Every structure is written in structure tokens, then in C-alpha cells.
Amino acid sequence: MYGKRGAAVAVLAMAMVMAVGVTGCDGSGSGTGAADPAPVAPRAEGTGQASVAPRPAGTGPLTKAVVKADIDASVADAGTPPADPDWAGMMERDLGKGCLVVYKGYGTKDVPVGVPQYKALVRELKERGWEQSGERMERRAEDPAQTVIDVLTVLEQRGWRVTTEYNRGIDGEVKAMAADVACAEKAGIFKNPMGG
């Protein structure tokens, strides 16, 4: 349906998640034990800081709704581009198997996306209780300015792993792909991301 390029993009996205070593958890993918999403207040005018409500109490895995709310609010507060619904639909339809929450936004010629927007997205996720797992990975060009080509940061919280990525491309793009680890392992997404 999406041709070789779409399939290659999907394989690359899942390979990115697999490369950071997704591990299992003791919780089920059902979200049992998780509290409802905490409301996130909009960014206070002129403060530069979002008013983030504390993470809801609980010890079980987060629900998909909580993760989606965290990503959506983080995207809005970070000022990253709007989500590409076609990409999100393709990822869920072709790979997600009900286990993913995804976001991808593209810069434009008039409003390119750079590392500052990416860093803002990661910061907003951290303000919502997501903790960095491992070192941030960064690749730079071999030009005199050492231009950043791409960046990858993995964050985790209560049975979920969010892989965030910036890719310079033409006008820049930012992604966040969250996987319910138990669900993804049960569905075999990490063993064979193409589902075949």
C-alpha cells in the first residue's frame, strides 16, 4: 500500500526502537492499575514554563490514553509542528498492533524544525515524569560547523518506552514513538517489525 519507501521507513522506525534494547516488564499491556491521565495546564503566558500536574498515583503500567495525552501536551507545549496523521495511521495500521502511540511533525521551508524544538519536546516529556534511559545519541556532519544530523533519546515510564528522534532532513522533522513494552513483546513487534 505504501510501497517500498513506506515499508523501509516503517522498518527503520521499528529498528530504531529495537536498537535501544527494549526490555520486558512485569505489567500487562492492558493498563490495569494505572490512574486516569493527569490534566496538564497550558503554558502560562510569558513564563516559559508549563504548569504540569504531578503524575497520577499508581504502580501499574500507564494506559495508552495517558501516554497519548503526555505526547500531545508535550508536542503542544514544545511548539513542535502538528502531527502527520497519515504517518501515525500507517505506523498503527502496519506495525502498531494496538501497542504504539506515535507522533511525527515536519518542518517547512518557512518554519524549519531544529534541535531546539526537539530538546523542548524531550524536556516537556521529562516534566511529565518520563525518565531518560541511557545516553542521548547524536550524529553530526563532518562539516566545519559540526551540524547535527540526527538525535535520539529514549525515555521510560511505567511499562512504556518513548523513543524520540530529530532528523535534519530538508526542513527537519521530530518524532516520538511510544511502545507499551509488554504489549509489543506479546505481539511480536520487536521480533519481526514487519509482522510477516
N, C-alpha and C. Protein backbone atom coordinates (compact mmCIF):
# COMPACT_ATOMS: atom_id res chain seq x y z
N MET A 1 0.81 -1.18 0.00
CA MET A 1 0.00 0.00 0.00
C MET A 1 0.86 1.26 0.00
N TYR A 2 1.97 1.25 0.77
CA TYR A 2 2.83 2.41 0.85
C TYR A 2 4.10 2.24 0.02
N GLY A 3 4.23 1.12 -0.66
CA GLY A 3 5.38 0.88 -1.49
C GLY A 3 6.63 0.59 -0.67
N LYS A 4 7.73 0.45 -1.40
CA LYS A 4 8.99 0.09 -0.75
C LYS A 4 9.48 1.19 0.19
N ARG A 5 9.26 2.45 -0.18
CA ARG A 5 9.74 3.55 0.67
C ARG A 5 9.00 3.56 2.00
N GLY A 6 7.68 3.42 1.98
CA GLY A 6 6.90 3.40 3.21
C GLY A 6 7.30 2.23 4.10
N ALA A 7 7.50 1.07 3.49
CA ALA A 7 7.91 -0.11 4.25
C ALA A 7 9.30 0.10 4.85
N ALA A 8 10.19 0.72 4.08
CA ALA A 8 11.54 0.97 4.58
C ALA A 8 11.51 1.93 5.76
N VAL A 9 10.66 2.96 5.68
CA VAL A 9 10.54 3.90 6.78
C VAL A 9 10.02 3.19 8.02
N ALA A 10 9.03 2.33 7.84
CA ALA A 10 8.45 1.61 8.97
C ALA A 10 9.49 0.68 9.60
N VAL A 11 10.25 -0.03 8.77
CA VAL A 11 11.29 -0.93 9.29
C VAL A 11 12.35 -0.12 10.03
N LEU A 12 12.74 1.02 9.47
CA LEU A 12 13.74 1.87 10.12
C LEU A 12 13.24 2.35 11.48
N ALA A 13 11.99 2.75 11.56
CA ALA A 13 11.43 3.23 12.82
C ALA A 13 11.44 2.13 13.88
N MET A 14 11.02 0.94 13.51
CA MET A 14 10.99 -0.15 14.48
C MET A 14 12.41 -0.61 14.80
N ALA A 15 13.32 -0.58 13.83
CA ALA A 15 14.71 -0.94 14.09
C ALA A 15 15.31 0.02 15.10
N MET A 16 14.90 1.28 15.02
CA MET A 16 15.38 2.28 15.96
C MET A 16 14.96 1.90 17.38
N VAL A 17 13.72 1.47 17.55
CA VAL A 17 13.25 1.05 18.87
C VAL A 17 14.00 -0.19 19.31
N MET A 18 14.20 -1.15 18.42
CA MET A 18 14.89 -2.39 18.78
C MET A 18 16.34 -2.11 19.12
N ALA A 19 16.97 -1.13 18.47
CA ALA A 19 18.38 -0.84 18.69
C ALA A 19 18.65 -0.34 20.09
N VAL A 20 17.67 0.24 20.73
CA VAL A 20 17.89 0.76 22.07
C VAL A 20 17.58 -0.28 23.14
N GLY A 21 17.32 -1.51 22.73
CA GLY A 21 17.21 -2.61 23.67
C GLY A 21 15.93 -2.64 24.48
N VAL A 22 14.80 -2.74 23.83
CA VAL A 22 13.54 -2.80 24.55
C VAL A 22 13.52 -4.05 25.41
N THR A 23 13.16 -3.85 26.67
CA THR A 23 13.11 -4.96 27.61
C THR A 23 11.69 -5.15 28.09
N GLY A 24 11.43 -6.28 28.67
CA GLY A 24 10.08 -6.59 29.15
C GLY A 24 9.81 -5.94 30.48
N CYS A 25 8.57 -6.06 30.92
CA CYS A 25 8.18 -5.58 32.23
C CYS A 25 7.21 -6.58 32.83
N ASP A 26 6.95 -6.46 34.12
CA ASP A 26 6.07 -7.40 34.78
C ASP A 26 4.60 -7.10 34.57
N GLY A 27 4.26 -5.88 34.14
CA GLY A 27 2.87 -5.49 33.99
C GLY A 27 2.29 -6.00 32.69
N SER A 28 0.97 -6.04 32.61
CA SER A 28 0.30 -6.43 31.38
C SER A 28 0.10 -5.20 30.52
N GLY A 29 -0.17 -5.40 29.25
CA GLY A 29 -0.40 -4.31 28.33
C GLY A 29 -1.79 -3.73 28.45
N SER A 30 -2.59 -4.22 29.38
CA SER A 30 -3.97 -3.77 29.47
C SER A 30 -4.11 -2.42 30.15
N GLY A 31 -3.09 -1.98 30.86
CA GLY A 31 -3.16 -0.72 31.56
C GLY A 31 -3.77 -0.84 32.94
N THR A 32 -4.04 -2.03 33.42
CA THR A 32 -4.63 -2.24 34.73
C THR A 32 -3.74 -1.63 35.79
N GLY A 33 -4.33 -0.91 36.71
CA GLY A 33 -3.58 -0.32 37.81
C GLY A 33 -3.13 1.10 37.54
N ALA A 34 -3.32 1.59 36.34
CA ALA A 34 -2.90 2.95 36.05
C ALA A 34 -4.04 3.90 36.33
N ALA A 35 -3.68 5.08 36.74
CA ALA A 35 -4.68 6.09 37.02
C ALA A 35 -5.05 6.82 35.73
N ASP A 36 -6.13 7.58 35.79
CA ASP A 36 -6.53 8.38 34.64
C ASP A 36 -5.48 9.43 34.37
N PRO A 37 -5.46 9.98 33.12
CA PRO A 37 -4.45 10.98 32.81
C PRO A 37 -4.59 12.21 33.69
N ALA A 38 -3.45 12.74 34.09
CA ALA A 38 -3.45 13.98 34.86
C ALA A 38 -3.62 15.13 33.89
N PRO A 39 -4.44 16.10 34.24
CA PRO A 39 -4.58 17.25 33.35
C PRO A 39 -3.28 18.03 33.33
N VAL A 40 -2.93 18.53 32.15
CA VAL A 40 -1.74 19.34 32.01
C VAL A 40 -2.20 20.74 31.66
N ALA A 41 -1.90 21.67 32.53
CA ALA A 41 -2.32 23.04 32.30
C ALA A 41 -1.54 23.63 31.15
N PRO A 42 -2.16 24.53 30.39
CA PRO A 42 -1.44 25.15 29.29
C PRO A 42 -0.29 26.00 29.82
N ARG A 43 0.67 26.23 28.95
CA ARG A 43 1.84 27.03 29.31
C ARG A 43 1.37 28.41 29.74
N ALA A 44 1.84 28.83 30.90
CA ALA A 44 1.47 30.14 31.41
C ALA A 44 2.11 31.22 30.54
N GLU A 45 1.33 32.17 30.12
CA GLU A 45 1.78 33.23 29.21
C GLU A 45 3.00 33.94 29.76
N GLY A 46 4.06 33.95 28.96
CA GLY A 46 5.26 34.69 29.29
C GLY A 46 6.19 34.04 30.31
N THR A 47 5.83 32.89 30.86
CA THR A 47 6.68 32.29 31.88
C THR A 47 7.72 31.36 31.30
N GLY A 48 7.46 30.82 30.10
CA GLY A 48 8.38 29.87 29.51
C GLY A 48 8.31 28.49 30.15
N GLN A 49 7.42 28.32 31.13
CA GLN A 49 7.29 27.05 31.83
C GLN A 49 5.86 26.56 31.73
N ALA A 50 5.69 25.28 31.51
CA ALA A 50 4.36 24.68 31.53
C ALA A 50 3.99 24.36 32.97
N SER A 51 2.72 24.51 33.30
CA SER A 51 2.25 24.09 34.61
C SER A 51 1.85 22.63 34.47
N VAL A 52 2.69 21.74 34.97
CA VAL A 52 2.47 20.31 34.79
C VAL A 52 1.98 19.72 36.11
N ALA A 53 0.82 19.09 36.04
CA ALA A 53 0.29 18.43 37.22
C ALA A 53 1.14 17.20 37.52
N PRO A 54 1.25 16.82 38.78
CA PRO A 54 2.03 15.62 39.12
C PRO A 54 1.45 14.38 38.46
N ARG A 55 2.30 13.42 38.21
CA ARG A 55 1.88 12.14 37.61
C ARG A 55 0.88 11.49 38.53
N PRO A 56 -0.22 10.92 37.97
CA PRO A 56 -1.20 10.25 38.82
C PRO A 56 -0.56 9.10 39.60
N ALA A 57 -1.05 8.88 40.81
CA ALA A 57 -0.52 7.81 41.66
C ALA A 57 -0.86 6.45 41.06
N GLY A 58 -0.06 5.48 41.37
CA GLY A 58 -0.29 4.13 40.90
C GLY A 58 1.02 3.45 40.60
N THR A 59 0.97 2.13 40.49
CA THR A 59 2.20 1.39 40.23
C THR A 59 2.11 0.57 38.96
N GLY A 60 0.93 0.41 38.41
CA GLY A 60 0.78 -0.40 37.21
C GLY A 60 1.19 0.37 35.97
N PRO A 61 1.15 -0.30 34.83
CA PRO A 61 1.51 0.36 33.57
C PRO A 61 0.56 1.52 33.28
N LEU A 62 1.07 2.52 32.61
CA LEU A 62 0.23 3.62 32.17
C LEU A 62 -0.76 3.12 31.12
N THR A 63 -1.87 3.79 31.00
CA THR A 63 -2.81 3.45 29.92
C THR A 63 -2.35 4.15 28.64
N LYS A 64 -2.82 3.67 27.54
CA LYS A 64 -2.50 4.28 26.25
C LYS A 64 -3.01 5.73 26.22
N ALA A 65 -4.15 5.98 26.85
CA ALA A 65 -4.71 7.34 26.89
C ALA A 65 -3.79 8.31 27.63
N VAL A 66 -3.17 7.86 28.72
CA VAL A 66 -2.24 8.70 29.48
C VAL A 66 -1.03 9.02 28.62
N VAL A 67 -0.49 8.02 27.95
CA VAL A 67 0.70 8.21 27.11
C VAL A 67 0.38 9.16 25.97
N LYS A 68 -0.76 8.98 25.32
CA LYS A 68 -1.16 9.87 24.22
C LYS A 68 -1.33 11.30 24.73
N ALA A 69 -1.95 11.45 25.90
CA ALA A 69 -2.13 12.79 26.46
C ALA A 69 -0.77 13.43 26.76
N ASP A 70 0.17 12.65 27.30
CA ASP A 70 1.51 13.18 27.57
C ASP A 70 2.19 13.64 26.29
N ILE A 71 2.13 12.83 25.26
CA ILE A 71 2.78 13.19 24.00
C ILE A 71 2.10 14.39 23.37
N ASP A 72 0.77 14.38 23.30
CA ASP A 72 0.05 15.50 22.69
C ASP A 72 0.33 16.81 23.42
N ALA A 73 0.29 16.80 24.76
CA ALA A 73 0.54 18.02 25.53
C ALA A 73 2.00 18.46 25.39
N SER A 74 2.92 17.50 25.35
CA SER A 74 4.34 17.84 25.19
C SER A 74 4.60 18.47 23.83
N VAL A 75 3.98 17.93 22.79
CA VAL A 75 4.12 18.49 21.44
C VAL A 75 3.61 19.93 21.41
N ALA A 76 2.43 20.14 22.00
CA ALA A 76 1.83 21.48 22.00
C ALA A 76 2.70 22.46 22.79
N ASP A 77 3.15 22.06 23.99
CA ASP A 77 3.93 22.95 24.84
C ASP A 77 5.33 23.20 24.28
N ALA A 78 5.88 22.24 23.54
CA ALA A 78 7.23 22.40 22.97
C ALA A 78 7.21 23.25 21.71
N GLY A 79 6.04 23.43 21.12
CA GLY A 79 5.97 24.22 19.89
C GLY A 79 6.46 23.48 18.66
N THR A 80 6.44 22.15 18.72
CA THR A 80 6.84 21.38 17.55
C THR A 80 5.69 21.36 16.54
N PRO A 81 5.97 21.00 15.29
CA PRO A 81 4.94 21.05 14.25
C PRO A 81 3.77 20.10 14.54
N PRO A 82 2.64 20.37 13.90
CA PRO A 82 1.49 19.47 14.07
C PRO A 82 1.82 18.06 13.61
N ALA A 83 1.11 17.10 14.17
CA ALA A 83 1.32 15.69 13.84
C ALA A 83 0.89 15.40 12.41
N ASP A 84 1.59 14.47 11.78
CA ASP A 84 1.22 13.97 10.46
C ASP A 84 0.30 12.77 10.68
N PRO A 85 -1.01 12.93 10.47
CA PRO A 85 -1.94 11.83 10.74
C PRO A 85 -1.75 10.65 9.80
N ASP A 86 -1.27 10.88 8.58
CA ASP A 86 -1.05 9.77 7.66
C ASP A 86 0.07 8.86 8.16
N TRP A 87 1.16 9.47 8.65
CA TRP A 87 2.27 8.67 9.18
C TRP A 87 1.81 7.90 10.41
N ALA A 88 1.10 8.57 11.31
CA ALA A 88 0.61 7.91 12.51
C ALA A 88 -0.31 6.74 12.15
N GLY A 89 -1.20 6.96 11.19
CA GLY A 89 -2.11 5.90 10.77
C GLY A 89 -1.37 4.72 10.17
N MET A 90 -0.35 5.01 9.35
CA MET A 90 0.44 3.95 8.73
C MET A 90 1.17 3.13 9.79
N MET A 91 1.76 3.81 10.76
CA MET A 91 2.50 3.09 11.80
C MET A 91 1.57 2.19 12.61
N GLU A 92 0.41 2.70 12.99
CA GLU A 92 -0.52 1.90 13.79
C GLU A 92 -1.10 0.75 12.97
N ARG A 93 -1.48 1.04 11.74
CA ARG A 93 -2.08 0.03 10.88
C ARG A 93 -1.09 -1.07 10.49
N ASP A 94 0.10 -0.66 10.10
CA ASP A 94 1.07 -1.62 9.56
C ASP A 94 1.95 -2.27 10.63
N LEU A 95 2.18 -1.58 11.74
CA LEU A 95 3.12 -2.10 12.73
C LEU A 95 2.58 -2.12 14.15
N GLY A 96 1.74 -1.18 14.50
CA GLY A 96 1.39 -0.92 15.88
C GLY A 96 0.71 -2.03 16.63
N LYS A 97 -0.20 -2.75 15.98
CA LYS A 97 -0.92 -3.85 16.63
C LYS A 97 -1.51 -3.43 17.97
N GLY A 98 -1.93 -2.15 18.07
CA GLY A 98 -2.53 -1.64 19.29
C GLY A 98 -1.56 -1.29 20.39
N CYS A 99 -0.25 -1.37 20.11
CA CYS A 99 0.76 -1.20 21.16
C CYS A 99 1.50 0.13 21.10
N LEU A 100 1.23 0.96 20.10
CA LEU A 100 2.02 2.16 19.90
C LEU A 100 1.18 3.43 20.02
N VAL A 101 1.85 4.51 20.42
CA VAL A 101 1.35 5.87 20.32
C VAL A 101 2.45 6.62 19.59
N VAL A 102 2.13 7.24 18.45
CA VAL A 102 3.19 7.85 17.65
C VAL A 102 2.87 9.29 17.29
N TYR A 103 3.94 10.05 17.10
CA TYR A 103 3.85 11.44 16.65
C TYR A 103 5.02 11.69 15.71
N LYS A 104 4.75 12.42 14.63
CA LYS A 104 5.81 12.88 13.74
C LYS A 104 5.36 14.21 13.16
N GLY A 105 6.21 15.22 13.29
CA GLY A 105 5.92 16.53 12.74
C GLY A 105 7.06 16.99 11.85
N TYR A 106 6.70 17.65 10.75
CA TYR A 106 7.68 18.09 9.77
C TYR A 106 7.84 19.61 9.79
N GLY A 107 9.08 20.06 9.67
CA GLY A 107 9.31 21.48 9.47
C GLY A 107 8.95 21.84 8.03
N THR A 108 8.86 23.11 7.75
CA THR A 108 8.58 23.60 6.40
C THR A 108 9.67 24.58 5.99
N LYS A 109 9.64 24.99 4.75
CA LYS A 109 10.62 25.97 4.28
C LYS A 109 10.50 27.26 5.09
N ASP A 110 9.27 27.66 5.39
CA ASP A 110 9.05 28.90 6.15
C ASP A 110 9.30 28.73 7.64
N VAL A 111 9.02 27.54 8.17
CA VAL A 111 9.20 27.28 9.61
C VAL A 111 9.93 25.94 9.77
N PRO A 112 11.26 25.96 9.58
CA PRO A 112 12.02 24.71 9.74
C PRO A 112 12.06 24.27 11.21
N VAL A 113 12.32 22.99 11.42
CA VAL A 113 12.43 22.42 12.75
C VAL A 113 13.89 22.09 13.00
N GLY A 114 14.37 22.41 14.19
CA GLY A 114 15.75 22.15 14.52
C GLY A 114 15.89 21.48 15.87
N VAL A 115 17.11 21.37 16.32
CA VAL A 115 17.42 20.73 17.59
C VAL A 115 16.72 21.44 18.76
N PRO A 116 16.59 22.78 18.76
CA PRO A 116 15.91 23.41 19.89
C PRO A 116 14.47 22.90 20.10
N GLN A 117 13.72 22.70 19.03
CA GLN A 117 12.36 22.17 19.16
C GLN A 117 12.39 20.73 19.68
N TYR A 118 13.35 19.96 19.21
CA TYR A 118 13.49 18.58 19.67
C TYR A 118 13.80 18.56 21.17
N LYS A 119 14.77 19.37 21.60
CA LYS A 119 15.12 19.43 23.02
C LYS A 119 13.91 19.85 23.85
N ALA A 120 13.11 20.77 23.33
CA ALA A 120 11.91 21.22 24.05
C ALA A 120 10.92 20.07 24.21
N LEU A 121 10.76 19.24 23.18
CA LEU A 121 9.86 18.09 23.27
C LEU A 121 10.33 17.13 24.35
N VAL A 122 11.61 16.81 24.36
CA VAL A 122 12.16 15.90 25.37
C VAL A 122 11.99 16.50 26.77
N ARG A 123 12.26 17.79 26.90
CA ARG A 123 12.10 18.46 28.20
C ARG A 123 10.65 18.38 28.68
N GLU A 124 9.70 18.61 27.78
CA GLU A 124 8.28 18.56 28.15
C GLU A 124 7.89 17.14 28.60
N LEU A 125 8.39 16.12 27.92
CA LEU A 125 8.10 14.75 28.34
C LEU A 125 8.68 14.49 29.74
N LYS A 126 9.89 14.96 29.99
CA LYS A 126 10.51 14.78 31.31
C LYS A 126 9.69 15.48 32.39
N GLU A 127 9.11 16.64 32.06
CA GLU A 127 8.28 17.35 33.03
C GLU A 127 7.03 16.55 33.38
N ARG A 128 6.67 15.60 32.54
CA ARG A 128 5.50 14.75 32.77
C ARG A 128 5.89 13.40 33.36
N GLY A 129 7.10 13.31 33.90
CA GLY A 129 7.52 12.11 34.62
C GLY A 129 8.28 11.09 33.80
N TRP A 130 8.55 11.35 32.53
CA TRP A 130 9.32 10.41 31.71
C TRP A 130 10.78 10.56 32.07
N GLU A 131 11.45 9.42 32.27
CA GLU A 131 12.86 9.42 32.66
C GLU A 131 13.73 8.90 31.53
N GLN A 132 14.85 9.58 31.32
CA GLN A 132 15.76 9.17 30.25
C GLN A 132 16.38 7.82 30.57
N SER A 133 16.45 6.97 29.56
CA SER A 133 17.05 5.64 29.67
C SER A 133 18.27 5.61 28.76
N GLY A 134 19.42 5.54 29.33
CA GLY A 134 20.65 5.51 28.52
C GLY A 134 21.06 6.91 28.08
N GLU A 135 22.10 6.92 27.29
CA GLU A 135 22.66 8.19 26.81
C GLU A 135 21.92 8.67 25.57
N ARG A 136 21.84 9.96 25.43
CA ARG A 136 21.32 10.57 24.20
C ARG A 136 22.33 10.29 23.09
N MET A 137 21.84 9.86 21.94
CA MET A 137 22.71 9.59 20.80
C MET A 137 22.57 10.73 19.80
N GLU A 138 23.70 11.15 19.26
CA GLU A 138 23.71 12.27 18.33
C GLU A 138 24.71 11.99 17.22
N ARG A 139 24.33 12.34 16.00
CA ARG A 139 25.23 12.19 14.86
C ARG A 139 25.41 13.56 14.22
N ARG A 140 26.67 13.90 13.95
CA ARG A 140 26.98 15.21 13.37
C ARG A 140 27.64 15.05 12.00
N ALA A 141 27.43 16.07 11.18
CA ALA A 141 28.06 16.10 9.85
C ALA A 141 29.55 16.39 10.02
N GLU A 142 30.31 16.03 9.03
CA GLU A 142 31.75 16.29 9.05
C GLU A 142 32.05 17.61 8.37
N ASP A 143 31.20 18.60 8.64
CA ASP A 143 31.44 19.94 8.10
C ASP A 143 32.09 20.80 9.18
N PRO A 144 32.60 21.97 8.83
CA PRO A 144 33.26 22.81 9.84
C PRO A 144 32.35 23.17 11.02
N ALA A 145 31.06 23.29 10.80
CA ALA A 145 30.13 23.66 11.88
C ALA A 145 29.71 22.46 12.73
N GLN A 146 30.08 21.23 12.30
CA GLN A 146 29.66 20.01 13.01
C GLN A 146 28.13 19.98 13.16
N THR A 147 27.43 20.24 12.06
CA THR A 147 25.97 20.31 12.04
C THR A 147 25.35 19.00 12.54
N VAL A 148 24.37 19.12 13.43
CA VAL A 148 23.67 17.94 13.94
C VAL A 148 22.78 17.38 12.83
N ILE A 149 22.97 16.10 12.54
CA ILE A 149 22.17 15.42 11.52
C ILE A 149 20.96 14.75 12.14
N ASP A 150 21.18 14.03 13.23
CA ASP A 150 20.06 13.42 13.93
C ASP A 150 20.40 13.19 15.40
N VAL A 151 19.33 13.09 16.20
CA VAL A 151 19.46 12.90 17.64
C VAL A 151 18.41 11.88 18.05
N LEU A 152 18.75 11.03 19.02
CA LEU A 152 17.81 10.04 19.53
C LEU A 152 17.92 9.99 21.05
N THR A 153 16.78 10.07 21.72
CA THR A 153 16.72 9.96 23.17
C THR A 153 15.60 9.00 23.52
N VAL A 154 15.85 8.10 24.47
CA VAL A 154 14.84 7.15 24.91
C VAL A 154 14.41 7.52 26.33
N LEU A 155 13.10 7.54 26.53
CA LEU A 155 12.52 7.84 27.84
C LEU A 155 11.60 6.70 28.24
N GLU A 156 11.49 6.45 29.55
CA GLU A 156 10.65 5.35 30.02
C GLU A 156 9.77 5.82 31.17
N GLN A 157 8.63 5.14 31.30
CA GLN A 157 7.75 5.36 32.43
C GLN A 157 6.73 4.24 32.51
N ARG A 158 6.69 3.55 33.62
CA ARG A 158 5.66 2.57 33.98
C ARG A 158 5.18 1.70 32.81
N GLY A 159 6.10 0.90 32.28
CA GLY A 159 5.74 -0.08 31.27
C GLY A 159 5.75 0.43 29.84
N TRP A 160 6.13 1.69 29.63
CA TRP A 160 6.18 2.28 28.30
C TRP A 160 7.57 2.81 28.03
N ARG A 161 7.95 2.80 26.77
CA ARG A 161 9.22 3.37 26.32
C ARG A 161 8.93 4.30 25.14
N VAL A 162 9.38 5.55 25.26
CA VAL A 162 9.22 6.54 24.18
C VAL A 162 10.57 6.78 23.54
N THR A 163 10.67 6.52 22.26
CA THR A 163 11.88 6.83 21.50
C THR A 163 11.61 8.13 20.77
N THR A 164 12.39 9.16 21.09
CA THR A 164 12.24 10.45 20.42
C THR A 164 13.39 10.63 19.45
N GLU A 165 13.11 11.29 18.35
CA GLU A 165 14.15 11.46 17.34
C GLU A 165 13.99 12.78 16.61
N TYR A 166 15.13 13.41 16.34
CA TYR A 166 15.20 14.57 15.45
C TYR A 166 16.01 14.15 14.24
N ASN A 167 15.54 14.51 13.05
CA ASN A 167 16.27 14.26 11.82
C ASN A 167 16.30 15.56 11.04
N ARG A 168 17.49 16.00 10.68
CA ARG A 168 17.64 17.28 10.00
C ARG A 168 16.92 17.31 8.66
N GLY A 169 17.10 16.29 7.83
CA GLY A 169 16.43 16.24 6.53
C GLY A 169 16.48 17.57 5.80
N ILE A 170 15.43 17.88 5.06
CA ILE A 170 15.38 19.14 4.31
C ILE A 170 15.01 20.29 5.22
N ASP A 171 13.88 20.17 5.92
CA ASP A 171 13.41 21.23 6.82
C ASP A 171 13.29 20.76 8.26
N GLY A 172 13.76 19.55 8.54
CA GLY A 172 13.74 18.99 9.88
C GLY A 172 12.45 18.25 10.18
N GLU A 173 12.56 17.24 11.02
CA GLU A 173 11.39 16.51 11.49
C GLU A 173 11.67 16.00 12.90
N VAL A 174 10.60 15.89 13.68
CA VAL A 174 10.68 15.42 15.06
C VAL A 174 9.69 14.28 15.22
N LYS A 175 10.11 13.22 15.93
CA LYS A 175 9.25 12.05 16.14
C LYS A 175 9.26 11.66 17.61
N ALA A 176 8.15 11.06 18.03
CA ALA A 176 8.08 10.39 19.33
C ALA A 176 7.26 9.13 19.10
N MET A 177 7.87 7.98 19.36
CA MET A 177 7.16 6.71 19.19
C MET A 177 7.19 5.98 20.52
N ALA A 178 5.99 5.86 21.13
CA ALA A 178 5.86 5.20 22.43
C ALA A 178 5.37 3.78 22.22
N ALA A 179 5.99 2.85 22.91
CA ALA A 179 5.59 1.44 22.83
C ALA A 179 5.25 0.92 24.22
N ASP A 180 4.07 0.31 24.32
CA ASP A 180 3.71 -0.44 25.53
C ASP A 180 4.56 -1.70 25.44
N VAL A 181 5.59 -1.79 26.27
CA VAL A 181 6.61 -2.82 26.13
C VAL A 181 6.01 -4.23 26.20
N ALA A 182 5.17 -4.49 27.19
CA ALA A 182 4.59 -5.84 27.32
C ALA A 182 3.72 -6.17 26.11
N CYS A 183 2.91 -5.24 25.67
CA CYS A 183 2.05 -5.45 24.51
C CYS A 183 2.88 -5.71 23.25
N ALA A 184 3.92 -4.89 23.06
CA ALA A 184 4.76 -5.02 21.87
C ALA A 184 5.49 -6.35 21.84
N GLU A 185 5.97 -6.80 23.01
CA GLU A 185 6.65 -8.09 23.05
C GLU A 185 5.66 -9.23 22.80
N LYS A 186 4.49 -9.15 23.39
CA LYS A 186 3.47 -10.19 23.19
C LYS A 186 3.03 -10.25 21.72
N ALA A 187 2.92 -9.10 21.07
CA ALA A 187 2.50 -9.04 19.67
C ALA A 187 3.64 -9.39 18.71
N GLY A 188 4.85 -9.53 19.22
CA GLY A 188 5.99 -9.90 18.38
C GLY A 188 6.52 -8.75 17.54
N ILE A 189 6.18 -7.52 17.91
CA ILE A 189 6.62 -6.37 17.13
C ILE A 189 8.14 -6.27 17.12
N PHE A 190 8.78 -6.51 18.25
CA PHE A 190 10.22 -6.34 18.32
C PHE A 190 10.98 -7.51 17.68
N LYS A 191 10.34 -8.66 17.58
CA LYS A 191 10.97 -9.80 16.92
C LYS A 191 10.92 -9.67 15.41
N ASN A 192 9.77 -9.23 14.89
CA ASN A 192 9.59 -9.08 13.45
C ASN A 192 8.71 -7.88 13.20
N PRO A 193 9.33 -6.68 13.08
CA PRO A 193 8.55 -5.46 12.99
C PRO A 193 7.64 -5.38 11.77
N MET A 194 7.89 -6.16 10.74
CA MET A 194 7.04 -6.10 9.55
C MET A 194 5.84 -7.07 9.67
N GLY A 195 5.80 -7.84 10.75
CA GLY A 195 4.63 -8.67 11.02
C GLY A 195 4.52 -9.91 10.15
N GLY A 196 5.50 -10.21 9.35
CA GLY A 196 5.41 -11.35 8.44
C GLY A 196 6.02 -12.61 8.98
